[in-house]
Structures are given as structure tokens and as C-alpha cells.
Amino acid sequence: MDPISHRNRDTTWKSIVDTAMNLVNARKGKKFKKSASWDVVKGPIQPDSNQCGFYVMKFMKDVIAHYSLDAPTSLSSMFKNVKTYTLAEIDEIREEWATCVIKHAFD
């Protein structure tokens, strides 16, 4: 979870997510013998340290849009060609976020 250098800073979160997934599945009465498979995915590279939140939001929006397609491919193949988001793409995320905050703050 490091949009600047494409490395995992800490693997502790993996065990937390695995435990949470096991708890959810146990509550649903499911049990998986195989643990989750973790891949390092190279996402878009942010140009500075000031846009991290917007990069993460844009990245997650891309992932969700990708998986809403009828025939999704793996995340690794989706982000094979690592790029930097354009200022227009980041501004779009800023505008969506600001609109959402204003809507919920004044409704």
C-alpha cells in the first residue's frame, strides 16, 4: 500500500485482513482451507507526496470499474502499464469528493 515506491511497507496488515476474512466466513458458515493469495500490484505513480489520498481514491475507482465489467482480468494485468494520472483525472476525483462532502454536510 505504497503508491510512491510500489512496495509493501509492512506485512502485518495481511494477517489482519486474513483474520477478518476468516471471521466473516465463519459467521456465514463457510470455511476455506486455502488462505488468501496476495500479489503486489503496481499502481499509478504519484508525482509528489501531496496527492496520495486522491491517487488511492482514483486507483480504487479504477479497480471497482474494472471489476464491474462482464469479463474481468487480474489486477496484475489491469495495471501492467503503470502510468501517472493526469491532473484532469485527479481534479475529477477532487471534485467528486468535494461534492460528496458538501452533499452530506448540508443535507
PDB file of N, CA and C in Angstrom:
ATOM      1  N   MET A   1       0.836  -1.180   0.000  1.00  0.00           N
ATOM      2  CA  MET A   1       0.000   0.000   0.000  1.00  0.00           C
ATOM      3  C   MET A   1       0.880   1.243   0.000  1.00  0.00           C
ATOM      4  N   ASP A   2       1.736   1.335  -0.972  1.00  0.00           N
ATOM      5  CA  ASP A   2       2.670   2.450  -1.042  1.00  0.00           C
ATOM      6  C   ASP A   2       2.695   2.982  -2.472  1.00  0.00           C
ATOM      7  N   PRO A   3       1.870   4.004  -2.791  1.00  0.00           N
ATOM      8  CA  PRO A   3       1.765   4.470  -4.165  1.00  0.00           C
ATOM      9  C   PRO A   3       3.000   5.174  -4.700  1.00  0.00           C
ATOM     10  N   ILE A   4       3.979   5.441  -3.856  1.00  0.00           N
ATOM     11  CA  ILE A   4       5.191   6.103  -4.345  1.00  0.00           C
ATOM     12  C   ILE A   4       6.227   5.085  -4.804  1.00  0.00           C
ATOM     13  N   SER A   5       6.432   4.010  -4.044  1.00  0.00           N
ATOM     14  CA  SER A   5       7.545   3.122  -4.389  1.00  0.00           C
ATOM     15  C   SER A   5       7.153   1.685  -4.725  1.00  0.00           C
ATOM     16  N   HIS A   6       5.872   1.359  -4.751  1.00  0.00           N
ATOM     17  CA  HIS A   6       5.428   0.013  -5.135  1.00  0.00           C
ATOM     18  C   HIS A   6       6.034  -1.092  -4.270  1.00  0.00           C
ATOM     19  N   ARG A   7       6.021  -0.901  -2.987  1.00  0.00           N
ATOM     20  CA  ARG A   7       6.496  -1.953  -2.100  1.00  0.00           C
ATOM     21  C   ARG A   7       5.548  -2.041  -0.911  1.00  0.00           C
ATOM     22  N   ASN A   8       5.516  -3.183  -0.302  1.00  0.00           N
ATOM     23  CA  ASN A   8       4.729  -3.344   0.913  1.00  0.00           C
ATOM     24  C   ASN A   8       5.577  -2.892   2.090  1.00  0.00           C
ATOM     25  N   ARG A   9       5.120  -1.894   2.808  1.00  0.00           N
ATOM     26  CA  ARG A   9       5.889  -1.386   3.938  1.00  0.00           C
ATOM     27  C   ARG A   9       5.834  -2.338   5.127  1.00  0.00           C
ATOM     28  N   ASP A  10       4.699  -2.970   5.303  1.00  0.00           N
ATOM     29  CA  ASP A  10       4.514  -3.810   6.476  1.00  0.00           C
ATOM     30  C   ASP A  10       3.555  -4.934   6.113  1.00  0.00           C
ATOM     31  N   THR A  11       3.879  -6.128   6.508  1.00  0.00           N
ATOM     32  CA  THR A  11       3.008  -7.255   6.175  1.00  0.00           C
ATOM     33  C   THR A  11       2.026  -7.592   7.295  1.00  0.00           C
ATOM     34  N   THR A  12       2.046  -6.844   8.387  1.00  0.00           N
ATOM     35  CA  THR A  12       1.129  -7.097   9.488  1.00  0.00           C
ATOM     36  C   THR A  12      -0.313  -6.978   9.039  1.00  0.00           C
ATOM     37  N   TRP A  13      -0.596  -6.047   8.157  1.00  0.00           N
ATOM     38  CA  TRP A  13      -1.976  -5.830   7.706  1.00  0.00           C
ATOM     39  C   TRP A  13      -2.524  -7.046   6.982  1.00  0.00           C
ATOM     40  N   LYS A  14      -1.640  -7.853   6.368  1.00  0.00           N
ATOM     41  CA  LYS A  14      -2.102  -9.062   5.685  1.00  0.00           C
ATOM     42  C   LYS A  14      -2.763 -10.024   6.665  1.00  0.00           C
ATOM     43  N   SER A  15      -2.126 -10.224   7.812  1.00  0.00           N
ATOM     44  CA  SER A  15      -2.705 -11.146   8.791  1.00  0.00           C
ATOM     45  C   SER A  15      -4.002 -10.588   9.365  1.00  0.00           C
ATOM     46  N   ILE A  16      -4.097  -9.279   9.490  1.00  0.00           N
ATOM     47  CA  ILE A  16      -5.329  -8.657   9.977  1.00  0.00           C
ATOM     48  C   ILE A  16      -6.460  -8.887   8.980  1.00  0.00           C
ATOM     49  N   VAL A  17      -6.193  -8.677   7.698  1.00  0.00           N
ATOM     50  CA  VAL A  17      -7.211  -8.895   6.666  1.00  0.00           C
ATOM     51  C   VAL A  17      -7.575 -10.374   6.586  1.00  0.00           C
ATOM     52  N   ASP A  18      -6.584 -11.250   6.639  1.00  0.00           N
ATOM     53  CA  ASP A  18      -6.863 -12.696   6.615  1.00  0.00           C
ATOM     54  C   ASP A  18      -7.755 -13.107   7.786  1.00  0.00           C
ATOM     55  N   THR A  19      -7.448 -12.595   8.971  1.00  0.00           N
ATOM     56  CA  THR A  19      -8.259 -12.904  10.156  1.00  0.00           C
ATOM     57  C   THR A  19      -9.676 -12.381   9.988  1.00  0.00           C
ATOM     58  N   ALA A  20      -9.808 -11.158   9.496  1.00  0.00           N
ATOM     59  CA  ALA A  20     -11.139 -10.581   9.276  1.00  0.00           C
ATOM     60  C   ALA A  20     -11.930 -11.405   8.268  1.00  0.00           C
ATOM     61  N   MET A  21     -11.281 -11.842   7.191  1.00  0.00           N
ATOM     62  CA  MET A  21     -11.966 -12.662   6.185  1.00  0.00           C
ATOM     63  C   MET A  21     -12.421 -13.990   6.783  1.00  0.00           C
ATOM     64  N   ASN A  22     -11.584 -14.581   7.618  1.00  0.00           N
ATOM     65  CA  ASN A  22     -11.951 -15.840   8.271  1.00  0.00           C
ATOM     66  C   ASN A  22     -13.133 -15.655   9.217  1.00  0.00           C
ATOM     67  N   LEU A  23     -13.159 -14.532   9.948  1.00  0.00           N
ATOM     68  CA  LEU A  23     -14.276 -14.253  10.854  1.00  0.00           C
ATOM     69  C   LEU A  23     -15.579 -14.063  10.087  1.00  0.00           C
ATOM     70  N   VAL A  24     -15.521 -13.307   8.996  1.00  0.00           N
ATOM     71  CA  VAL A  24     -16.721 -13.088   8.174  1.00  0.00           C
ATOM     72  C   VAL A  24     -17.212 -14.416   7.613  1.00  0.00           C
ATOM     73  N   ASN A  25     -16.307 -15.213   7.081  1.00  0.00           N
ATOM     74  CA  ASN A  25     -16.693 -16.509   6.517  1.00  0.00           C
ATOM     75  C   ASN A  25     -17.241 -17.447   7.592  1.00  0.00           C
ATOM     76  N   ALA A  26     -16.676 -17.408   8.784  1.00  0.00           N
ATOM     77  CA  ALA A  26     -17.166 -18.253   9.876  1.00  0.00           C
ATOM     78  C   ALA A  26     -18.586 -17.866  10.254  1.00  0.00           C
ATOM     79  N   ARG A  27     -18.867 -16.581  10.268  1.00  0.00           N
ATOM     80  CA  ARG A  27     -20.226 -16.125  10.573  1.00  0.00           C
ATOM     81  C   ARG A  27     -21.223 -16.542   9.501  1.00  0.00           C
ATOM     82  N   LYS A  28     -20.736 -16.671   8.288  1.00  0.00           N
ATOM     83  CA  LYS A  28     -21.597 -17.106   7.182  1.00  0.00           C
ATOM     84  C   LYS A  28     -21.652 -18.626   7.090  1.00  0.00           C
ATOM     85  N   GLY A  29     -20.909 -19.313   7.938  1.00  0.00           N
ATOM     86  CA  GLY A  29     -20.892 -20.769   7.922  1.00  0.00           C
ATOM     87  C   GLY A  29     -19.986 -21.358   6.859  1.00  0.00           C
ATOM     88  N   LYS A  30     -19.081 -20.549   6.314  1.00  0.00           N
ATOM     89  CA  LYS A  30     -18.149 -21.032   5.291  1.00  0.00           C
ATOM     90  C   LYS A  30     -16.773 -21.229   5.914  1.00  0.00           C
ATOM     91  N   LYS A  31     -16.057 -22.189   5.399  1.00  0.00           N
ATOM     92  CA  LYS A  31     -14.687 -22.389   5.848  1.00  0.00           C
ATOM     93  C   LYS A  31     -13.822 -22.680   4.631  1.00  0.00           C
ATOM     94  N   PHE A  32     -12.774 -21.901   4.498  1.00  0.00           N
ATOM     95  CA  PHE A  32     -11.868 -22.081   3.381  1.00  0.00           C
ATOM     96  C   PHE A  32     -10.581 -22.704   3.882  1.00  0.00           C
ATOM     97  N   LYS A  33     -10.136 -23.733   3.201  1.00  0.00           N
ATOM     98  CA  LYS A  33      -8.902 -24.405   3.590  1.00  0.00           C
ATOM     99  C   LYS A  33      -7.678 -23.662   3.075  1.00  0.00           C
ATOM    100  N   LYS A  34      -7.890 -22.884   2.053  1.00  0.00           N
ATOM    101  CA  LYS A  34      -6.794 -22.170   1.423  1.00  0.00           C
ATOM    102  C   LYS A  34      -6.812 -20.715   1.885  1.00  0.00           C
ATOM    103  N   SER A  35      -5.648 -20.168   2.233  1.00  0.00           N
ATOM    104  CA  SER A  35      -5.598 -18.766   2.642  1.00  0.00           C
ATOM    105  C   SER A  35      -5.577 -17.872   1.408  1.00  0.00           C
ATOM    106  N   ALA A  36      -5.802 -16.596   1.632  1.00  0.00           N
ATOM    107  CA  ALA A  36      -5.837 -15.630   0.535  1.00  0.00           C
ATOM    108  C   ALA A  36      -4.485 -15.559  -0.170  1.00  0.00           C
ATOM    109  N   SER A  37      -4.530 -15.304  -1.440  1.00  0.00           N
ATOM    110  CA  SER A  37      -3.321 -15.126  -2.235  1.00  0.00           C
ATOM    111  C   SER A  37      -3.059 -13.626  -2.356  1.00  0.00           C
ATOM    112  N   TRP A  38      -1.865 -13.207  -2.008  1.00  0.00           N
ATOM    113  CA  TRP A  38      -1.530 -11.790  -2.030  1.00  0.00           C
ATOM    114  C   TRP A  38      -0.545 -11.505  -3.160  1.00  0.00           C
ATOM    115  N   ASP A  39      -0.854 -10.515  -3.955  1.00  0.00           N
ATOM    116  CA  ASP A  39       0.020 -10.095  -5.049  1.00  0.00           C
ATOM    117  C   ASP A  39       0.381  -8.631  -4.883  1.00  0.00           C
ATOM    118  N   VAL A  40       1.596  -8.290  -5.232  1.00  0.00           N
ATOM    119  CA  VAL A  40       1.990  -6.885  -5.265  1.00  0.00           C
ATOM    120  C   VAL A  40       1.566  -6.350  -6.619  1.00  0.00           C
ATOM    121  N   VAL A  41       0.714  -5.350  -6.604  1.00  0.00           N
ATOM    122  CA  VAL A  41       0.203  -4.765  -7.834  1.00  0.00           C
ATOM    123  C   VAL A  41       0.815  -3.381  -7.994  1.00  0.00           C
ATOM    124  N   LYS A  42       1.369  -3.129  -9.151  1.00  0.00           N
ATOM    125  CA  LYS A  42       1.950  -1.821  -9.412  1.00  0.00           C
ATOM    126  C   LYS A  42       0.864  -0.887  -9.904  1.00  0.00           C
ATOM    127  N   GLY A  43       0.545   0.077  -9.101  1.00  0.00           N
ATOM    128  CA  GLY A  43      -0.468   1.056  -9.467  1.00  0.00           C
ATOM    129  C   GLY A  43       0.168   2.300 -10.042  1.00  0.00           C
ATOM    130  N   PRO A  44      -0.667   3.259 -10.381  1.00  0.00           N
ATOM    131  CA  PRO A  44      -0.164   4.521 -10.918  1.00  0.00           C
ATOM    132  C   PRO A  44       0.796   5.210  -9.952  1.00  0.00           C
ATOM    133  N   ILE A  45       1.787   5.860 -10.501  1.00  0.00           N
ATOM    134  CA  ILE A  45       2.824   6.506  -9.700  1.00  0.00           C
ATOM    135  C   ILE A  45       2.482   7.980  -9.516  1.00  0.00           C
ATOM    136  N   GLN A  46       2.371   8.396  -8.259  1.00  0.00           N
ATOM    137  CA  GLN A  46       2.072   9.807  -7.997  1.00  0.00           C
ATOM    138  C   GLN A  46       3.341  10.636  -8.141  1.00  0.00           C
ATOM    139  N   PRO A  47       3.227  11.869  -8.644  1.00  0.00           N
ATOM    140  CA  PRO A  47       4.410  12.683  -8.906  1.00  0.00           C
ATOM    141  C   PRO A  47       5.001  13.340  -7.663  1.00  0.00           C
ATOM    142  N   ASP A  48       4.230  13.410  -6.579  1.00  0.00           N
ATOM    143  CA  ASP A  48       4.719  14.052  -5.366  1.00  0.00           C
ATOM    144  C   ASP A  48       4.057  13.423  -4.151  1.00  0.00           C
ATOM    145  N   SER A  49       4.339  13.949  -2.973  1.00  0.00           N
ATOM    146  CA  SER A  49       3.772  13.364  -1.758  1.00  0.00           C
ATOM    147  C   SER A  49       2.484  14.060  -1.315  1.00  0.00           C
ATOM    148  N   ASN A  50       1.946  14.948  -2.139  1.00  0.00           N
ATOM    149  CA  ASN A  50       0.757  15.715  -1.759  1.00  0.00           C
ATOM    150  C   ASN A  50      -0.551  15.143  -2.298  1.00  0.00           C
ATOM    151  N   GLN A  51      -0.495  14.187  -3.198  1.00  0.00           N
ATOM    152  CA  GLN A  51      -1.704  13.706  -3.855  1.00  0.00           C
ATOM    153  C   GLN A  51      -2.060  12.270  -3.489  1.00  0.00           C
ATOM    154  N   CYS A  52      -1.458  11.722  -2.464  1.00  0.00           N
ATOM    155  CA  CYS A  52      -1.627  10.307  -2.134  1.00  0.00           C
ATOM    156  C   CYS A  52      -3.095   9.905  -1.994  1.00  0.00           C
ATOM    157  N   GLY A  53      -3.864  10.637  -1.220  1.00  0.00           N
ATOM    158  CA  GLY A  53      -5.264  10.283  -0.998  1.00  0.00           C
ATOM    159  C   GLY A  53      -6.060  10.254  -2.283  1.00  0.00           C
ATOM    160  N   PHE A  54      -5.840  11.236  -3.139  1.00  0.00           N
ATOM    161  CA  PHE A  54      -6.564  11.294  -4.403  1.00  0.00           C
ATOM    162  C   PHE A  54      -6.115  10.172  -5.334  1.00  0.00           C
ATOM    163  N   TYR A  55      -4.819   9.830  -5.292  1.00  0.00           N
ATOM    164  CA  TYR A  55      -4.334   8.707  -6.094  1.00  0.00           C
ATOM    165  C   TYR A  55      -4.962   7.401  -5.637  1.00  0.00           C
ATOM    166  N   VAL A  56      -5.054   7.205  -4.333  1.00  0.00           N
ATOM    167  CA  VAL A  56      -5.661   5.985  -3.806  1.00  0.00           C
ATOM    168  C   VAL A  56      -7.136   5.927  -4.196  1.00  0.00           C
ATOM    169  N   MET A  57      -7.851   7.056  -4.071  1.00  0.00           N
ATOM    170  CA  MET A  57      -9.269   7.081  -4.447  1.00  0.00           C
ATOM    171  C   MET A  57      -9.457   6.792  -5.934  1.00  0.00           C
ATOM    172  N   LYS A  58      -8.623   7.368  -6.788  1.00  0.00           N
ATOM    173  CA  LYS A  58      -8.718   7.129  -8.229  1.00  0.00           C
ATOM    174  C   LYS A  58      -8.383   5.667  -8.546  1.00  0.00           C
ATOM    175  N   PHE A  59      -7.363   5.152  -7.887  1.00  0.00           N
ATOM    176  CA  PHE A  59      -6.961   3.757  -8.085  1.00  0.00           C
ATOM    177  C   PHE A  59      -8.113   2.824  -7.705  1.00  0.00           C
ATOM    178  N   MET A  60      -8.738   3.059  -6.549  1.00  0.00           N
ATOM    179  CA  MET A  60      -9.849   2.209  -6.109  1.00  0.00           C
ATOM    180  C   MET A  60     -11.046   2.343  -7.050  1.00  0.00           C
ATOM    181  N   LYS A  61     -11.291   3.531  -7.541  1.00  0.00           N
ATOM    182  CA  LYS A  61     -12.379   3.737  -8.507  1.00  0.00           C
ATOM    183  C   LYS A  61     -12.101   2.924  -9.779  1.00  0.00           C
ATOM    184  N   ASP A  62     -10.857   2.925 -10.229  1.00  0.00           N
ATOM    185  CA  ASP A  62     -10.479   2.143 -11.411  1.00  0.00           C
ATOM    186  C   ASP A  62     -10.661   0.646 -11.163  1.00  0.00           C
ATOM    187  N   VAL A  63     -10.267   0.183  -9.971  1.00  0.00           N
ATOM    188  CA  VAL A  63     -10.412  -1.235  -9.635  1.00  0.00           C
ATOM    189  C   VAL A  63     -11.883  -1.627  -9.639  1.00  0.00           C
ATOM    190  N   ILE A  64     -12.724  -0.809  -8.995  1.00  0.00           N
ATOM    191  CA  ILE A  64     -14.159  -1.111  -8.932  1.00  0.00           C
ATOM    192  C   ILE A  64     -14.771  -1.098 -10.330  1.00  0.00           C
ATOM    193  N   ALA A  65     -14.424  -0.105 -11.131  1.00  0.00           N
ATOM    194  CA  ALA A  65     -14.943  -0.035 -12.500  1.00  0.00           C
ATOM    195  C   ALA A  65     -14.478  -1.246 -13.306  1.00  0.00           C
ATOM    196  N   HIS A  66     -13.236  -1.647 -13.110  1.00  0.00           N
ATOM    197  CA  HIS A  66     -12.675  -2.791 -13.827  1.00  0.00           C
ATOM    198  C   HIS A  66     -13.443  -4.067 -13.492  1.00  0.00           C
ATOM    199  N   TYR A  67     -13.736  -4.269 -12.216  1.00  0.00           N
ATOM    200  CA  TYR A  67     -14.416  -5.490 -11.801  1.00  0.00           C
ATOM    201  C   TYR A  67     -15.914  -5.464 -12.024  1.00  0.00           C
ATOM    202  N   SER A  68     -16.460  -4.341 -12.441  1.00  0.00           N
ATOM    203  CA  SER A  68     -17.881  -4.320 -12.771  1.00  0.00           C
ATOM    204  C   SER A  68     -18.104  -4.734 -14.229  1.00  0.00           C
ATOM    205  N   LEU A  69     -17.021  -4.931 -14.964  1.00  0.00           N
ATOM    206  CA  LEU A  69     -17.125  -5.401 -16.339  1.00  0.00           C
ATOM    207  C   LEU A  69     -17.531  -6.870 -16.357  1.00  0.00           C
ATOM    208  N   ASP A  70     -18.056  -7.326 -17.467  1.00  0.00           N
ATOM    209  CA  ASP A  70     -18.509  -8.715 -17.567  1.00  0.00           C
ATOM    210  C   ASP A  70     -17.377  -9.734 -17.525  1.00  0.00           C
ATOM    211  N   ALA A  71     -16.234  -9.393 -18.103  1.00  0.00           N
ATOM    212  CA  ALA A  71     -15.126 -10.352 -18.171  1.00  0.00           C
ATOM    213  C   ALA A  71     -13.862  -9.732 -17.578  1.00  0.00           C
ATOM    214  N   PRO A  72     -13.789  -9.640 -16.232  1.00  0.00           N
ATOM    215  CA  PRO A  72     -12.614  -9.009 -15.633  1.00  0.00           C
ATOM    216  C   PRO A  72     -11.359  -9.856 -15.796  1.00  0.00           C
ATOM    217  N   THR A  73     -10.242  -9.189 -15.832  1.00  0.00           N
ATOM    218  CA  THR A  73      -8.945  -9.861 -15.844  1.00  0.00           C
ATOM    219  C   THR A  73      -8.305  -9.623 -14.483  1.00  0.00           C
ATOM    220  N   SER A  74      -7.140 -10.160 -14.269  1.00  0.00           N
ATOM    221  CA  SER A  74      -6.484  -9.982 -12.981  1.00  0.00           C
ATOM    222  C   SER A  74      -6.036  -8.531 -12.805  1.00  0.00           C
ATOM    223  N   LEU A  75      -5.897  -8.141 -11.547  1.00  0.00           N
ATOM    224  CA  LEU A  75      -5.403  -6.789 -11.269  1.00  0.00           C
ATOM    225  C   LEU A  75      -4.008  -6.595 -11.832  1.00  0.00           C
ATOM    226  N   SER A  76      -3.199  -7.641 -11.768  1.00  0.00           N
ATOM    227  CA  SER A  76      -1.837  -7.523 -12.289  1.00  0.00           C
ATOM    228  C   SER A  76      -1.842  -7.144 -13.759  1.00  0.00           C
ATOM    229  N   SER A  77      -2.718  -7.767 -14.540  1.00  0.00           N
ATOM    230  CA  SER A  77      -2.770  -7.434 -15.960  1.00  0.00           C
ATOM    231  C   SER A  77      -3.428  -6.080 -16.190  1.00  0.00           C
ATOM    232  N   MET A  78      -4.372  -5.724 -15.314  1.00  0.00           N
ATOM    233  CA  MET A  78      -5.040  -4.435 -15.451  1.00  0.00           C
ATOM    234  C   MET A  78      -4.055  -3.278 -15.316  1.00  0.00           C
ATOM    235  N   PHE A  79      -3.109  -3.417 -14.409  1.00  0.00           N
ATOM    236  CA  PHE A  79      -2.165  -2.335 -14.149  1.00  0.00           C
ATOM    237  C   PHE A  79      -0.759  -2.679 -14.631  1.00  0.00           C
ATOM    238  N   LYS A  80      -0.692  -3.450 -15.703  1.00  0.00           N
ATOM    239  CA  LYS A  80       0.606  -3.836 -16.250  1.00  0.00           C
ATOM    240  C   LYS A  80       1.372  -2.609 -16.752  1.00  0.00           C
ATOM    241  N   ASN A  81       0.686  -1.709 -17.413  1.00  0.00           N
ATOM    242  CA  ASN A  81       1.313  -0.491 -17.922  1.00  0.00           C
ATOM    243  C   ASN A  81       1.123   0.622 -16.896  1.00  0.00           C
ATOM    244  N   VAL A  82       2.065   0.724 -15.969  1.00  0.00           N
ATOM    245  CA  VAL A  82       1.977   1.699 -14.889  1.00  0.00           C
ATOM    246  C   VAL A  82       2.091   3.097 -15.480  1.00  0.00           C
ATOM    247  N   LYS A  83       1.203   3.972 -15.008  1.00  0.00           N
ATOM    248  CA  LYS A  83       1.212   5.333 -15.525  1.00  0.00           C
ATOM    249  C   LYS A  83       1.067   6.308 -14.366  1.00  0.00           C
ATOM    250  N   THR A  84       1.071   7.565 -14.689  1.00  0.00           N
ATOM    251  CA  THR A  84       0.764   8.620 -13.734  1.00  0.00           C
ATOM    252  C   THR A  84      -0.561   9.206 -14.157  1.00  0.00           C
ATOM    253  N   TYR A  85      -1.461   9.404 -13.208  1.00  0.00           N
ATOM    254  CA  TYR A  85      -2.737  10.017 -13.557  1.00  0.00           C
ATOM    255  C   TYR A  85      -2.509  11.457 -13.995  1.00  0.00           C
ATOM    256  N   THR A  86      -3.346  11.902 -14.914  1.00  0.00           N
ATOM    257  CA  THR A  86      -3.246  13.287 -15.357  1.00  0.00           C
ATOM    258  C   THR A  86      -3.855  14.199 -14.298  1.00  0.00           C
ATOM    259  N   LEU A  87      -3.538  15.469 -14.377  1.00  0.00           N
ATOM    260  CA  LEU A  87      -4.109  16.444 -13.449  1.00  0.00           C
ATOM    261  C   LEU A  87      -5.628  16.481 -13.590  1.00  0.00           C
ATOM    262  N   ALA A  88      -6.126  16.322 -14.812  1.00  0.00           N
ATOM    263  CA  ALA A  88      -7.576  16.306 -15.037  1.00  0.00           C
ATOM    264  C   ALA A  88      -8.227  15.123 -14.323  1.00  0.00           C
ATOM    265  N   GLU A  89      -7.574  13.953 -14.344  1.00  0.00           N
ATOM    266  CA  GLU A  89      -8.119  12.781 -13.656  1.00  0.00           C
ATOM    267  C   GLU A  89      -8.142  12.981 -12.139  1.00  0.00           C
ATOM    268  N   ILE A  90      -7.103  13.580 -11.605  1.00  0.00           N
ATOM    269  CA  ILE A  90      -7.050  13.848 -10.163  1.00  0.00           C
ATOM    270  C   ILE A  90      -8.049  14.931  -9.793  1.00  0.00           C
ATOM    271  N   ASP A  91      -8.176  15.958 -10.639  1.00  0.00           N
ATOM    272  CA  ASP A  91      -9.164  17.013 -10.369  1.00  0.00           C
ATOM    273  C   ASP A  91     -10.588  16.463 -10.373  1.00  0.00           C
ATOM    274  N   GLU A  92     -10.850  15.477 -11.220  1.00  0.00           N
ATOM    275  CA  GLU A  92     -12.166  14.835 -11.253  1.00  0.00           C
ATOM    276  C   GLU A  92     -12.464  14.160  -9.910  1.00  0.00           C
ATOM    277  N   ILE A  93     -11.475  13.494  -9.352  1.00  0.00           N
ATOM    278  CA  ILE A  93     -11.632  12.846  -8.047  1.00  0.00           C
ATOM    279  C   ILE A  93     -11.818  13.895  -6.965  1.00  0.00           C
ATOM    280  N   ARG A  94     -11.053  14.975  -7.019  1.00  0.00           N
ATOM    281  CA  ARG A  94     -11.212  16.065  -6.036  1.00  0.00           C
ATOM    282  C   ARG A  94     -12.629  16.621  -6.074  1.00  0.00           C
ATOM    283  N   GLU A  95     -13.142  16.827  -7.277  1.00  0.00           N
ATOM    284  CA  GLU A  95     -14.487  17.382  -7.433  1.00  0.00           C
ATOM    285  C   GLU A  95     -15.551  16.411  -6.904  1.00  0.00           C
ATOM    286  N   GLU A  96     -15.410  15.115  -7.213  1.00  0.00           N
ATOM    287  CA  GLU A  96     -16.361  14.119  -6.705  1.00  0.00           C
ATOM    288  C   GLU A  96     -16.338  14.075  -5.184  1.00  0.00           C
ATOM    289  N   TRP A  97     -15.154  14.120  -4.599  1.00  0.00           N
ATOM    290  CA  TRP A  97     -15.013  14.071  -3.150  1.00  0.00           C
ATOM    291  C   TRP A  97     -15.639  15.315  -2.526  1.00  0.00           C
ATOM    292  N   ALA A  98     -15.333  16.495  -3.070  1.00  0.00           N
ATOM    293  CA  ALA A  98     -15.885  17.739  -2.529  1.00  0.00           C
ATOM    294  C   ALA A  98     -17.402  17.768  -2.646  1.00  0.00           C
ATOM    295  N   THR A  99     -17.935  17.305  -3.764  1.00  0.00           N
ATOM    296  CA  THR A  99     -19.384  17.255  -3.958  1.00  0.00           C
ATOM    297  C   THR A  99     -20.034  16.338  -2.928  1.00  0.00           C
ATOM    298  N   CYS A 100     -19.425  15.211  -2.680  1.00  0.00           N
ATOM    299  CA  CYS A 100     -19.948  14.249  -1.701  1.00  0.00           C
ATOM    300  C   CYS A 100     -19.928  14.847  -0.294  1.00  0.00           C
ATOM    301  N   VAL A 101     -18.839  15.486   0.064  1.00  0.00           N
ATOM    302  CA  VAL A 101     -18.728  16.089   1.407  1.00  0.00           C
ATOM    303  C   VAL A 101     -19.773  17.180   1.579  1.00  0.00           C
ATOM    304  N   ILE A 102     -19.897  18.043   0.588  1.00  0.00           N
ATOM    305  CA  ILE A 102     -20.883  19.137   0.666  1.00  0.00           C
ATOM    306  C   ILE A 102     -22.293  18.584   0.755  1.00  0.00           C
ATOM    307  N   LYS A 103     -22.587  17.578  -0.045  1.00  0.00           N
ATOM    308  CA  LYS A 103     -23.918  16.982  -0.038  1.00  0.00           C
ATOM    309  C   LYS A 103     -24.275  16.430   1.341  1.00  0.00           C
ATOM    310  N   HIS A 104     -23.344  15.689   1.941  1.00  0.00           N
ATOM    311  CA  HIS A 104     -23.615  15.058   3.230  1.00  0.00           C
ATOM    312  C   HIS A 104     -23.547  16.053   4.386  1.00  0.00           C
ATOM    313  N   ALA A 105     -22.782  17.123   4.236  1.00  0.00           N
ATOM    314  CA  ALA A 105     -22.669  18.119   5.296  1.00  0.00           C
ATOM    315  C   ALA A 105     -23.895  19.019   5.375  1.00  0.00           C
ATOM    316  N   PHE A 106     -24.544  19.243   4.232  1.00  0.00           N
ATOM    317  CA  PHE A 106     -25.642  20.197   4.206  1.00  0.00           C
ATOM    318  C   PHE A 106     -26.998  19.556   3.915  1.00  0.00           C
ATOM    319  N   ASP A 107     -27.071  18.249   3.899  1.00  0.00           N
ATOM    320  CA  ASP A 107     -28.363  17.579   3.699  1.00  0.00           C
ATOM    321  C   ASP A 107     -29.032  17.278   5.002  1.00  0.00           C
TER     322      ASP A 107
END
